Amino acid sequence: MVIGRRYWNLIWYGILLLGLLGLVPSLYWGRRTHWRNLDEVVRACGTIFVSIGMLFLLNRVSSWAGQLLMIVALGCFIAAFILGRKLHATPPDSDDSPPPNHEPRNRA
């Protein structure tokens, strides 16, 4: 027996809605940036899987399917962390030194 099951269902449906709302712009920007934000897409999928898995477990739909979705969601979050680290590992060119052929201007 889960105390406040109705509230937990409402919370997990809200998290599912947030996951779906996060997936739409992630897919849009993924197409525009040639999937450089793949970690965001995988993270949104993980949010959707974890919320569906929790709803399965809360409503006693299918225990094994709920647990499987939770494991898939964990894999998505780990993959998103790894992809985010690999994609953002190269630092941007923030070197303040001028290029080698640059001659400073004379200020008068």
PDB file of N, CA and C in Angstrom:
ATOM      1  N   MET A   1       0.841  -1.183   0.000  1.00  0.00           N
ATOM      2  CA  MET A   1       0.000   0.000   0.000  1.00  0.00           C
ATOM      3  C   MET A   1       0.887   1.247   0.000  1.00  0.00           C
ATOM      4  N   VAL A   2       0.670   2.098  -0.947  1.00  0.00           N
ATOM      5  CA  VAL A   2       1.419   3.340  -1.051  1.00  0.00           C
ATOM      6  C   VAL A   2       0.528   4.467  -0.548  1.00  0.00           C
ATOM      7  N   ILE A   3       1.015   5.167   0.466  1.00  0.00           N
ATOM      8  CA  ILE A   3       0.246   6.277   1.018  1.00  0.00           C
ATOM      9  C   ILE A   3       0.282   7.437   0.037  1.00  0.00           C
ATOM     10  N   GLY A   4      -0.871   7.986  -0.289  1.00  0.00           N
ATOM     11  CA  GLY A   4      -0.957   9.104  -1.213  1.00  0.00           C
ATOM     12  C   GLY A   4      -0.710   8.708  -2.658  1.00  0.00           C
ATOM     13  N   ARG A   5      -1.170   7.537  -3.040  1.00  0.00           N
ATOM     14  CA  ARG A   5      -0.907   7.045  -4.396  1.00  0.00           C
ATOM     15  C   ARG A   5      -1.431   8.018  -5.443  1.00  0.00           C
ATOM     16  N   ARG A   6      -2.556   8.643  -5.171  1.00  0.00           N
ATOM     17  CA  ARG A   6      -3.125   9.587  -6.127  1.00  0.00           C
ATOM     18  C   ARG A   6      -2.181  10.755  -6.367  1.00  0.00           C
ATOM     19  N   TYR A   7      -1.561  11.238  -5.298  1.00  0.00           N
ATOM     20  CA  TYR A   7      -0.617  12.355  -5.443  1.00  0.00           C
ATOM     21  C   TYR A   7       0.656  11.903  -6.164  1.00  0.00           C
ATOM     22  N   TRP A   8       1.131  10.701  -5.850  1.00  0.00           N
ATOM     23  CA  TRP A   8       2.318  10.196  -6.537  1.00  0.00           C
ATOM     24  C   TRP A   8       2.046   9.998  -8.024  1.00  0.00           C
ATOM     25  N   ASN A   9       0.847   9.527  -8.357  1.00  0.00           N
ATOM     26  CA  ASN A   9       0.489   9.409  -9.774  1.00  0.00           C
ATOM     27  C   ASN A   9       0.500  10.768 -10.449  1.00  0.00           C
ATOM     28  N   LEU A  10      -0.044  11.751  -9.789  1.00  0.00           N
ATOM     29  CA  LEU A  10      -0.060  13.109 -10.341  1.00  0.00           C
ATOM     30  C   LEU A  10       1.363  13.629 -10.536  1.00  0.00           C
ATOM     31  N   ILE A  11       2.214  13.384  -9.562  1.00  0.00           N
ATOM     32  CA  ILE A  11       3.613  13.833  -9.664  1.00  0.00           C
ATOM     33  C   ILE A  11       4.309  13.148 -10.831  1.00  0.00           C
ATOM     34  N   TRP A  12       4.133  11.838 -10.975  1.00  0.00           N
ATOM     35  CA  TRP A  12       4.824  11.120 -12.046  1.00  0.00           C
ATOM     36  C   TRP A  12       4.232  11.418 -13.417  1.00  0.00           C
ATOM     37  N   TYR A  13       2.931  11.717 -13.489  1.00  0.00           N
ATOM     38  CA  TYR A  13       2.380  12.180 -14.763  1.00  0.00           C
ATOM     39  C   TYR A  13       2.943  13.557 -15.122  1.00  0.00           C
ATOM     40  N   GLY A  14       3.160  14.390 -14.122  1.00  0.00           N
ATOM     41  CA  GLY A  14       3.796  15.696 -14.369  1.00  0.00           C
ATOM     42  C   GLY A  14       5.225  15.548 -14.860  1.00  0.00           C
ATOM     43  N   ILE A  15       5.973  14.609 -14.274  1.00  0.00           N
ATOM     44  CA  ILE A  15       7.347  14.367 -14.728  1.00  0.00           C
ATOM     45  C   ILE A  15       7.347  13.800 -16.147  1.00  0.00           C
ATOM     46  N   LEU A  16       6.361  12.952 -16.463  1.00  0.00           N
ATOM     47  CA  LEU A  16       6.224  12.438 -17.828  1.00  0.00           C
ATOM     48  C   LEU A  16       5.951  13.577 -18.806  1.00  0.00           C
ATOM     49  N   LEU A  17       5.094  14.495 -18.417  1.00  0.00           N
ATOM     50  CA  LEU A  17       4.814  15.654 -19.269  1.00  0.00           C
ATOM     51  C   LEU A  17       6.058  16.506 -19.470  1.00  0.00           C
ATOM     52  N   LEU A  18       6.825  16.707 -18.399  1.00  0.00           N
ATOM     53  CA  LEU A  18       8.080  17.458 -18.532  1.00  0.00           C
ATOM     54  C   LEU A  18       9.068  16.747 -19.456  1.00  0.00           C
ATOM     55  N   GLY A  19       9.134  15.421 -19.375  1.00  0.00           N
ATOM     56  CA  GLY A  19      10.009  14.666 -20.260  1.00  0.00           C
ATOM     57  C   GLY A  19       9.609  14.805 -21.711  1.00  0.00           C
ATOM     58  N   LEU A  20       8.298  14.738 -21.962  1.00  0.00           N
ATOM     59  CA  LEU A  20       7.812  14.899 -23.335  1.00  0.00           C
ATOM     60  C   LEU A  20       8.049  16.317 -23.839  1.00  0.00           C
ATOM     61  N   LEU A  21       7.816  17.297 -22.967  1.00  0.00           N
ATOM     62  CA  LEU A  21       8.063  18.686 -23.359  1.00  0.00           C
ATOM     63  C   LEU A  21       9.550  18.960 -23.569  1.00  0.00           C
ATOM     64  N   GLY A  22      10.414  18.245 -22.889  1.00  0.00           N
ATOM     65  CA  GLY A  22      11.847  18.394 -23.090  1.00  0.00           C
ATOM     66  C   GLY A  22      12.356  17.675 -24.318  1.00  0.00           C
ATOM     67  N   LEU A  23      11.663  16.601 -24.699  1.00  0.00           N
ATOM     68  CA  LEU A  23      12.091  15.836 -25.868  1.00  0.00           C
ATOM     69  C   LEU A  23      11.844  16.589 -27.172  1.00  0.00           C
ATOM     70  N   VAL A  24      10.739  17.313 -27.238  1.00  0.00           N
ATOM     71  CA  VAL A  24      10.388  18.011 -28.483  1.00  0.00           C
ATOM     72  C   VAL A  24      11.442  19.052 -28.870  1.00  0.00           C
ATOM     73  N   PRO A  25      11.811  19.983 -28.001  1.00  0.00           N
ATOM     74  CA  PRO A  25      12.857  20.930 -28.423  1.00  0.00           C
ATOM     75  C   PRO A  25      14.236  20.280 -28.572  1.00  0.00           C
ATOM     76  N   SER A  26      14.488  19.213 -27.820  1.00  0.00           N
ATOM     77  CA  SER A  26      15.768  18.513 -27.978  1.00  0.00           C
ATOM     78  C   SER A  26      15.887  17.906 -29.370  1.00  0.00           C
ATOM     79  N   LEU A  27      14.803  17.315 -29.847  1.00  0.00           N
ATOM     80  CA  LEU A  27      14.817  16.759 -31.202  1.00  0.00           C
ATOM     81  C   LEU A  27      14.943  17.859 -32.250  1.00  0.00           C
ATOM     82  N   TYR A  28      14.251  18.966 -32.018  1.00  0.00           N
ATOM     83  CA  TYR A  28      14.318  20.086 -32.959  1.00  0.00           C
ATOM     84  C   TYR A  28      15.738  20.629 -33.053  1.00  0.00           C
ATOM     85  N   TRP A  29      16.349  20.905 -31.896  1.00  0.00           N
ATOM     86  CA  TRP A  29      17.714  21.445 -31.906  1.00  0.00           C
ATOM     87  C   TRP A  29      18.729  20.394 -32.323  1.00  0.00           C
ATOM     88  N   GLY A  30      18.423  19.137 -32.071  1.00  0.00           N
ATOM     89  CA  GLY A  30      19.314  18.075 -32.520  1.00  0.00           C
ATOM     90  C   GLY A  30      19.424  18.031 -34.033  1.00  0.00           C
ATOM     91  N   ARG A  31      18.301  18.196 -34.693  1.00  0.00           N
ATOM     92  CA  ARG A  31      18.329  18.227 -36.159  1.00  0.00           C
ATOM     93  C   ARG A  31      19.087  19.438 -36.678  1.00  0.00           C
ATOM     94  N   ARG A  32      18.926  20.566 -35.992  1.00  0.00           N
ATOM     95  CA  ARG A  32      19.581  21.791 -36.461  1.00  0.00           C
ATOM     96  C   ARG A  32      21.078  21.807 -36.178  1.00  0.00           C
ATOM     97  N   THR A  33      21.511  21.146 -35.140  1.00  0.00           N
ATOM     98  CA  THR A  33      22.932  21.168 -34.762  1.00  0.00           C
ATOM     99  C   THR A  33      23.647  19.867 -35.105  1.00  0.00           C
ATOM    100  N   HIS A  34      23.047  19.069 -35.960  1.00  0.00           N
ATOM    101  CA  HIS A  34      23.633  17.786 -36.383  1.00  0.00           C
ATOM    102  C   HIS A  34      23.907  16.882 -35.189  1.00  0.00           C
ATOM    103  N   TRP A  35      22.961  16.849 -34.255  1.00  0.00           N
ATOM    104  CA  TRP A  35      22.937  15.947 -33.100  1.00  0.00           C
ATOM    105  C   TRP A  35      24.118  16.160 -32.161  1.00  0.00           C
ATOM    106  N   ARG A  36      24.571  17.409 -32.029  1.00  0.00           N
ATOM    107  CA  ARG A  36      25.608  17.700 -31.034  1.00  0.00           C
ATOM    108  C   ARG A  36      25.037  17.738 -29.621  1.00  0.00           C
ATOM    109  N   ASN A  37      23.716  17.758 -29.505  1.00  0.00           N
ATOM    110  CA  ASN A  37      23.078  17.755 -28.187  1.00  0.00           C
ATOM    111  C   ASN A  37      22.449  16.399 -27.888  1.00  0.00           C
ATOM    112  N   LEU A  38      23.084  15.353 -28.343  1.00  0.00           N
ATOM    113  CA  LEU A  38      22.520  14.011 -28.184  1.00  0.00           C
ATOM    114  C   LEU A  38      22.325  13.649 -26.711  1.00  0.00           C
ATOM    115  N   ASP A  39      23.139  14.212 -25.834  1.00  0.00           N
ATOM    116  CA  ASP A  39      22.970  13.931 -24.407  1.00  0.00           C
ATOM    117  C   ASP A  39      21.623  14.444 -23.893  1.00  0.00           C
ATOM    118  N   GLU A  40      21.151  15.569 -24.413  1.00  0.00           N
ATOM    119  CA  GLU A  40      19.849  16.095 -23.990  1.00  0.00           C
ATOM    120  C   GLU A  40      18.709  15.207 -24.476  1.00  0.00           C
ATOM    121  N   VAL A  41      18.838  14.673 -25.686  1.00  0.00           N
ATOM    122  CA  VAL A  41      17.810  13.789 -26.226  1.00  0.00           C
ATOM    123  C   VAL A  41      17.742  12.499 -25.397  1.00  0.00           C
ATOM    124  N   VAL A  42      18.893  11.936 -25.078  1.00  0.00           N
ATOM    125  CA  VAL A  42      18.934  10.693 -24.288  1.00  0.00           C
ATOM    126  C   VAL A  42      18.433  10.951 -22.866  1.00  0.00           C
ATOM    127  N   ARG A  43      18.739  12.118 -22.313  1.00  0.00           N
ATOM    128  CA  ARG A  43      18.258  12.463 -20.966  1.00  0.00           C
ATOM    129  C   ARG A  43      16.734  12.599 -20.958  1.00  0.00           C
ATOM    130  N   ALA A  44      16.168  13.191 -22.000  1.00  0.00           N
ATOM    131  CA  ALA A  44      14.710  13.317 -22.084  1.00  0.00           C
ATOM    132  C   ALA A  44      14.063  11.942 -22.207  1.00  0.00           C
ATOM    133  N   CYS A  45      14.672  11.049 -22.986  1.00  0.00           N
ATOM    134  CA  CYS A  45      14.150   9.683 -23.095  1.00  0.00           C
ATOM    135  C   CYS A  45      14.228   8.966 -21.747  1.00  0.00           C
ATOM    136  N   GLY A  46      15.298   9.189 -21.008  1.00  0.00           N
ATOM    137  CA  GLY A  46      15.423   8.591 -19.684  1.00  0.00           C
ATOM    138  C   GLY A  46      14.345   9.082 -18.736  1.00  0.00           C
ATOM    139  N   THR A  47      14.011  10.368 -18.815  1.00  0.00           N
ATOM    140  CA  THR A  47      12.944  10.919 -17.981  1.00  0.00           C
ATOM    141  C   THR A  47      11.604  10.289 -18.328  1.00  0.00           C
ATOM    142  N   ILE A  48      11.360  10.091 -19.604  1.00  0.00           N
ATOM    143  CA  ILE A  48      10.106   9.461 -20.034  1.00  0.00           C
ATOM    144  C   ILE A  48      10.056   8.008 -19.556  1.00  0.00           C
ATOM    145  N   PHE A  49      11.158   7.278 -19.712  1.00  0.00           N
ATOM    146  CA  PHE A  49      11.180   5.867 -19.287  1.00  0.00           C
ATOM    147  C   PHE A  49      11.011   5.722 -17.781  1.00  0.00           C
ATOM    148  N   VAL A  50      11.662   6.591 -17.005  1.00  0.00           N
ATOM    149  CA  VAL A  50      11.555   6.448 -15.549  1.00  0.00           C
ATOM    150  C   VAL A  50      10.148   6.793 -15.076  1.00  0.00           C
ATOM    151  N   SER A  51       9.513   7.773 -15.698  1.00  0.00           N
ATOM    152  CA  SER A  51       8.167   8.121 -15.256  1.00  0.00           C
ATOM    153  C   SER A  51       7.154   7.041 -15.652  1.00  0.00           C
ATOM    154  N   ILE A  52       7.292   6.469 -16.841  1.00  0.00           N
ATOM    155  CA  ILE A  52       6.387   5.385 -17.231  1.00  0.00           C
ATOM    156  C   ILE A  52       6.627   4.158 -16.340  1.00  0.00           C
ATOM    157  N   GLY A  53       7.888   3.869 -16.042  1.00  0.00           N
ATOM    158  CA  GLY A  53       8.194   2.745 -15.154  1.00  0.00           C
ATOM    159  C   GLY A  53       7.611   2.931 -13.762  1.00  0.00           C
ATOM    160  N   MET A  54       7.720   4.138 -13.230  1.00  0.00           N
ATOM    161  CA  MET A  54       7.148   4.386 -11.898  1.00  0.00           C
ATOM    162  C   MET A  54       5.629   4.321 -11.930  1.00  0.00           C
ATOM    163  N   LEU A  55       5.021   4.783 -13.010  1.00  0.00           N
ATOM    164  CA  LEU A  55       3.570   4.679 -13.109  1.00  0.00           C
ATOM    165  C   LEU A  55       3.130   3.215 -13.205  1.00  0.00           C
ATOM    166  N   PHE A  56       3.899   2.391 -13.913  1.00  0.00           N
ATOM    167  CA  PHE A  56       3.602   0.951 -13.953  1.00  0.00           C
ATOM    168  C   PHE A  56       3.688   0.344 -12.562  1.00  0.00           C
ATOM    169  N   LEU A  57       4.731   0.711 -11.814  1.00  0.00           N
ATOM    170  CA  LEU A  57       4.911   0.139 -10.485  1.00  0.00           C
ATOM    171  C   LEU A  57       3.859   0.653  -9.502  1.00  0.00           C
ATOM    172  N   LEU A  58       3.535   1.936  -9.575  1.00  0.00           N
ATOM    173  CA  LEU A  58       2.541   2.501  -8.653  1.00  0.00           C
ATOM    174  C   LEU A  58       1.146   1.919  -8.886  1.00  0.00           C
ATOM    175  N   ASN A  59       0.791   1.740 -10.131  1.00  0.00           N
ATOM    176  CA  ASN A  59      -0.557   1.272 -10.457  1.00  0.00           C
ATOM    177  C   ASN A  59      -0.636  -0.239 -10.597  1.00  0.00           C
ATOM    178  N   ARG A  60       0.471  -0.927 -10.300  1.00  0.00           N
ATOM    179  CA  ARG A  60       0.542  -2.388 -10.355  1.00  0.00           C
ATOM    180  C   ARG A  60       0.099  -2.932 -11.717  1.00  0.00           C
ATOM    181  N   VAL A  61       0.545  -2.250 -12.781  1.00  0.00           N
ATOM    182  CA  VAL A  61       0.235  -2.708 -14.139  1.00  0.00           C
ATOM    183  C   VAL A  61       1.064  -3.935 -14.453  1.00  0.00           C
ATOM    184  N   SER A  62       2.380  -3.768 -14.347  1.00  0.00           N
ATOM    185  CA  SER A  62       3.283  -4.876 -14.615  1.00  0.00           C
ATOM    186  C   SER A  62       4.578  -4.605 -13.862  1.00  0.00           C
ATOM    187  N   SER A  63       4.862  -5.464 -12.922  1.00  0.00           N
ATOM    188  CA  SER A  63       6.044  -5.265 -12.090  1.00  0.00           C
ATOM    189  C   SER A  63       7.326  -5.419 -12.902  1.00  0.00           C
ATOM    190  N   TRP A  64       7.405  -6.453 -13.724  1.00  0.00           N
ATOM    191  CA  TRP A  64       8.637  -6.693 -14.478  1.00  0.00           C
ATOM    192  C   TRP A  64       8.847  -5.619 -15.538  1.00  0.00           C
ATOM    193  N   ALA A  65       7.767  -5.140 -16.179  1.00  0.00           N
ATOM    194  CA  ALA A  65       7.912  -4.087 -17.187  1.00  0.00           C
ATOM    195  C   ALA A  65       8.328  -2.773 -16.532  1.00  0.00           C
ATOM    196  N   GLY A  66       7.786  -2.497 -15.355  1.00  0.00           N
ATOM    197  CA  GLY A  66       8.177  -1.290 -14.630  1.00  0.00           C
ATOM    198  C   GLY A  66       9.638  -1.318 -14.236  1.00  0.00           C
ATOM    199  N   GLN A  67      10.089  -2.459 -13.750  1.00  0.00           N
ATOM    200  CA  GLN A  67      11.499  -2.577 -13.378  1.00  0.00           C
ATOM    201  C   GLN A  67      12.411  -2.513 -14.591  1.00  0.00           C
ATOM    202  N   LEU A  68      11.983  -3.111 -15.696  1.00  0.00           N
ATOM    203  CA  LEU A  68      12.773  -3.047 -16.922  1.00  0.00           C
ATOM    204  C   LEU A  68      12.895  -1.606 -17.419  1.00  0.00           C
ATOM    205  N   LEU A  69      11.794  -0.865 -17.364  1.00  0.00           N
ATOM    206  CA  LEU A  69      11.841   0.537 -17.777  1.00  0.00           C
ATOM    207  C   LEU A  69      12.748   1.365 -16.860  1.00  0.00           C
ATOM    208  N   MET A  70      12.761   1.039 -15.594  1.00  0.00           N
ATOM    209  CA  MET A  70      13.641   1.746 -14.659  1.00  0.00           C
ATOM    210  C   MET A  70      15.114   1.466 -14.989  1.00  0.00           C
ATOM    211  N   ILE A  71      15.427   0.234 -15.347  1.00  0.00           N
ATOM    212  CA  ILE A  71      16.803  -0.119 -15.716  1.00  0.00           C
ATOM    213  C   ILE A  71      17.193   0.568 -17.018  1.00  0.00           C
ATOM    214  N   VAL A  72      16.270   0.609 -17.988  1.00  0.00           N
ATOM    215  CA  VAL A  72      16.538   1.306 -19.248  1.00  0.00           C
ATOM    216  C   VAL A  72      16.752   2.794 -18.992  1.00  0.00           C
ATOM    217  N   ALA A  73      15.948   3.379 -18.097  1.00  0.00           N
ATOM    218  CA  ALA A  73      16.105   4.793 -17.762  1.00  0.00           C
ATOM    219  C   ALA A  73      17.460   5.050 -17.117  1.00  0.00           C
ATOM    220  N   LEU A  74      17.898   4.165 -16.232  1.00  0.00           N
ATOM    221  CA  LEU A  74      19.210   4.311 -15.620  1.00  0.00           C
ATOM    222  C   LEU A  74      20.300   4.267 -16.687  1.00  0.00           C
ATOM    223  N   GLY A  75      20.163   3.346 -17.642  1.00  0.00           N
ATOM    224  CA  GLY A  75      21.115   3.283 -18.747  1.00  0.00           C
ATOM    225  C   GLY A  75      21.111   4.557 -19.579  1.00  0.00           C
ATOM    226  N   CYS A  76      19.925   5.130 -19.789  1.00  0.00           N
ATOM    227  CA  CYS A  76      19.835   6.393 -20.541  1.00  0.00           C
ATOM    228  C   CYS A  76      20.541   7.526 -19.797  1.00  0.00           C
ATOM    229  N   PHE A  77      20.357   7.607 -18.497  1.00  0.00           N
ATOM    230  CA  PHE A  77      20.997   8.681 -17.729  1.00  0.00           C
ATOM    231  C   PHE A  77      22.515   8.516 -17.708  1.00  0.00           C
ATOM    232  N   ILE A  78      22.993   7.290 -17.588  1.00  0.00           N
ATOM    233  CA  ILE A  78      24.435   7.057 -17.623  1.00  0.00           C
ATOM    234  C   ILE A  78      24.992   7.394 -19.009  1.00  0.00           C
ATOM    235  N   ALA A  79      24.266   6.984 -20.062  1.00  0.00           N
ATOM    236  CA  ALA A  79      24.708   7.294 -21.429  1.00  0.00           C
ATOM    237  C   ALA A  79      24.700   8.803 -21.678  1.00  0.00           C
ATOM    238  N   ALA A  80      23.699   9.500 -21.150  1.00  0.00           N
ATOM    239  CA  ALA A  80      23.647  10.955 -21.324  1.00  0.00           C
ATOM    240  C   ALA A  80      24.821  11.622 -20.615  1.00  0.00           C
ATOM    241  N   PHE A  81      25.189  11.108 -19.444  1.00  0.00           N
ATOM    242  CA  PHE A  81      26.338  11.662 -18.733  1.00  0.00           C
ATOM    243  C   PHE A  81      27.621  11.442 -19.542  1.00  0.00           C
ATOM    244  N   ILE A  82      27.794  10.244 -20.074  1.00  0.00           N
ATOM    245  CA  ILE A  82      29.000   9.940 -20.856  1.00  0.00           C
ATOM    246  C   ILE A  82      29.030  10.763 -22.139  1.00  0.00           C
ATOM    247  N   LEU A  83      27.885  10.839 -22.837  1.00  0.00           N
ATOM    248  CA  LEU A  83      27.833  11.621 -24.072  1.00  0.00           C
ATOM    249  C   LEU A  83      28.083  13.101 -23.800  1.00  0.00           C
ATOM    250  N   GLY A  84      27.545  13.606 -22.702  1.00  0.00           N
ATOM    251  CA  GLY A  84      27.753  15.011 -22.357  1.00  0.00           C
ATOM    252  C   GLY A  84      29.201  15.306 -22.035  1.00  0.00           C
ATOM    253  N   ARG A  85      29.876  14.381 -21.392  1.00  0.00           N
ATOM    254  CA  ARG A  85      31.287  14.572 -21.079  1.00  0.00           C
ATOM    255  C   ARG A  85      32.137  14.530 -22.339  1.00  0.00           C
ATOM    256  N   LYS A  86      31.819  13.617 -23.267  1.00  0.00           N
ATOM    257  CA  LYS A  86      32.605  13.482 -24.488  1.00  0.00           C
ATOM    258  C   LYS A  86      32.357  14.644 -25.441  1.00  0.00           C
ATOM    259  N   LEU A  87      31.101  15.078 -25.540  1.00  0.00           N
ATOM    260  CA  LEU A  87      30.780  16.144 -26.485  1.00  0.00           C
ATOM    261  C   LEU A  87      31.300  17.498 -26.019  1.00  0.00           C
ATOM    262  N   HIS A  88      31.359  17.700 -24.724  1.00  0.00           N
ATOM    263  CA  HIS A  88      31.777  18.998 -24.200  1.00  0.00           C
ATOM    264  C   HIS A  88      33.194  18.966 -23.635  1.00  0.00           C
ATOM    265  N   ALA A  89      33.957  17.941 -23.964  1.00  0.00           N
ATOM    266  CA  ALA A  89      35.308  17.805 -23.419  1.00  0.00           C
ATOM    267  C   ALA A  89      36.287  18.777 -24.065  1.00  0.00           C
ATOM    268  N   THR A  90      36.080  19.123 -25.329  1.00  0.00           N
ATOM    269  CA  THR A  90      36.995  20.045 -25.993  1.00  0.00           C
ATOM    270  C   THR A  90      36.620  21.468 -25.609  1.00  0.00           C
ATOM    271  N   PRO A  91      37.552  22.209 -25.010  1.00  0.00           N
ATOM    272  CA  PRO A  91      37.228  23.563 -24.596  1.00  0.00           C
ATOM    273  C   PRO A  91      37.116  24.481 -25.815  1.00  0.00           C
ATOM    274  N   PRO A  92      36.270  25.478 -25.726  1.00  0.00           N
ATOM    275  CA  PRO A  92      36.162  26.418 -26.836  1.00  0.00           C
ATOM    276  C   PRO A  92      37.423  27.271 -26.946  1.00  0.00           C
ATOM    277  N   ASP A  93      37.631  27.872 -28.094  1.00  0.00           N
ATOM    278  CA  ASP A  93      38.795  28.732 -28.302  1.00  0.00           C
ATOM    279  C   ASP A  93      38.593  30.036 -27.548  1.00  0.00           C
ATOM    280  N   SER A  94      39.063  30.077 -26.344  1.00  0.00           N
ATOM    281  CA  SER A  94      38.935  31.280 -25.536  1.00  0.00           C
ATOM    282  C   SER A  94      40.300  31.890 -25.268  1.00  0.00           C
ATOM    283  N   ASP A  95      41.219  31.613 -26.148  1.00  0.00           N
ATOM    284  CA  ASP A  95      42.574  32.129 -25.991  1.00  0.00           C
ATOM    285  C   ASP A  95      42.567  33.621 -26.299  1.00  0.00           C
ATOM    286  N   ASP A  96      43.035  34.426 -25.360  1.00  0.00           N
ATOM    287  CA  ASP A  96      43.027  35.874 -25.543  1.00  0.00           C
ATOM    288  C   ASP A  96      44.242  36.379 -26.301  1.00  0.00           C
ATOM    289  N   SER A  97      45.175  35.516 -26.596  1.00  0.00           N
ATOM    290  CA  SER A  97      46.362  35.965 -27.310  1.00  0.00           C
ATOM    291  C   SER A  97      46.019  36.184 -28.785  1.00  0.00           C
ATOM    292  N   PRO A  98      46.626  37.210 -29.394  1.00  0.00           N
ATOM    293  CA  PRO A  98      46.328  37.490 -30.798  1.00  0.00           C
ATOM    294  C   PRO A  98      46.948  36.437 -31.704  1.00  0.00           C
ATOM    295  N   PRO A  99      46.451  36.339 -32.936  1.00  0.00           N
ATOM    296  CA  PRO A  99      47.040  35.386 -33.874  1.00  0.00           C
ATOM    297  C   PRO A  99      48.488  35.737 -34.175  1.00  0.00           C
ATOM    298  N   PRO A 100      49.285  34.799 -34.682  1.00  0.00           N
ATOM    299  CA  PRO A 100      50.713  35.037 -34.890  1.00  0.00           C
ATOM    300  C   PRO A 100      51.015  36.178 -35.867  1.00  0.00           C
ATOM    301  N   ASN A 101      50.188  36.421 -36.851  1.00  0.00           N
ATOM    302  CA  ASN A 101      50.463  37.455 -37.854  1.00  0.00           C
ATOM    303  C   ASN A 101      49.827  38.793 -37.497  1.00  0.00           C
ATOM    304  N   HIS A 102      49.322  38.907 -36.312  1.00  0.00           N
ATOM    305  CA  HIS A 102      48.593  40.120 -35.916  1.00  0.00           C
ATOM    306  C   HIS A 102      49.558  41.229 -35.513  1.00  0.00           C
ATOM    307  N   GLU A 103      49.365  42.400 -36.108  1.00  0.00           N
ATOM    308  CA  GLU A 103      50.168  43.580 -35.739  1.00  0.00           C
ATOM    309  C   GLU A 103      49.241  44.546 -35.002  1.00  0.00           C
ATOM    310  N   PRO A 104      49.665  45.019 -33.843  1.00  0.00           N
ATOM    311  CA  PRO A 104      48.816  45.935 -33.092  1.00  0.00           C
ATOM    312  C   PRO A 104      48.684  47.272 -33.794  1.00  0.00           C
ATOM    313  N   ARG A 105      47.511  47.892 -33.648  1.00  0.00           N
ATOM    314  CA  ARG A 105      47.266  49.196 -34.241  1.00  0.00           C
ATOM    315  C   ARG A 105      47.860  50.276 -33.350  1.00  0.00           C
ATOM    316  N   ASN A 106      48.313  51.333 -33.971  1.00  0.00           N
ATOM    317  CA  ASN A 106      48.790  52.484 -33.212  1.00  0.00           C
ATOM    318  C   ASN A 106      47.595  53.345 -32.863  1.00  0.00           C
ATOM    319  N   ARG A 107      47.463  53.627 -31.606  1.00  0.00           N
ATOM    320  CA  ARG A 107      46.358  54.472 -31.164  1.00  0.00           C
ATOM    321  C   ARG A 107      46.888  55.888 -30.984  1.00  0.00           C
ATOM    322  N   ALA A 108      46.155  56.812 -31.523  1.00  0.00           N
ATOM    323  CA  ALA A 108      46.603  58.201 -31.398  1.00  0.00           C
ATOM    324  C   ALA A 108      45.707  58.970 -30.489  1.00  0.00           C
TER     325      ALA A 108
END
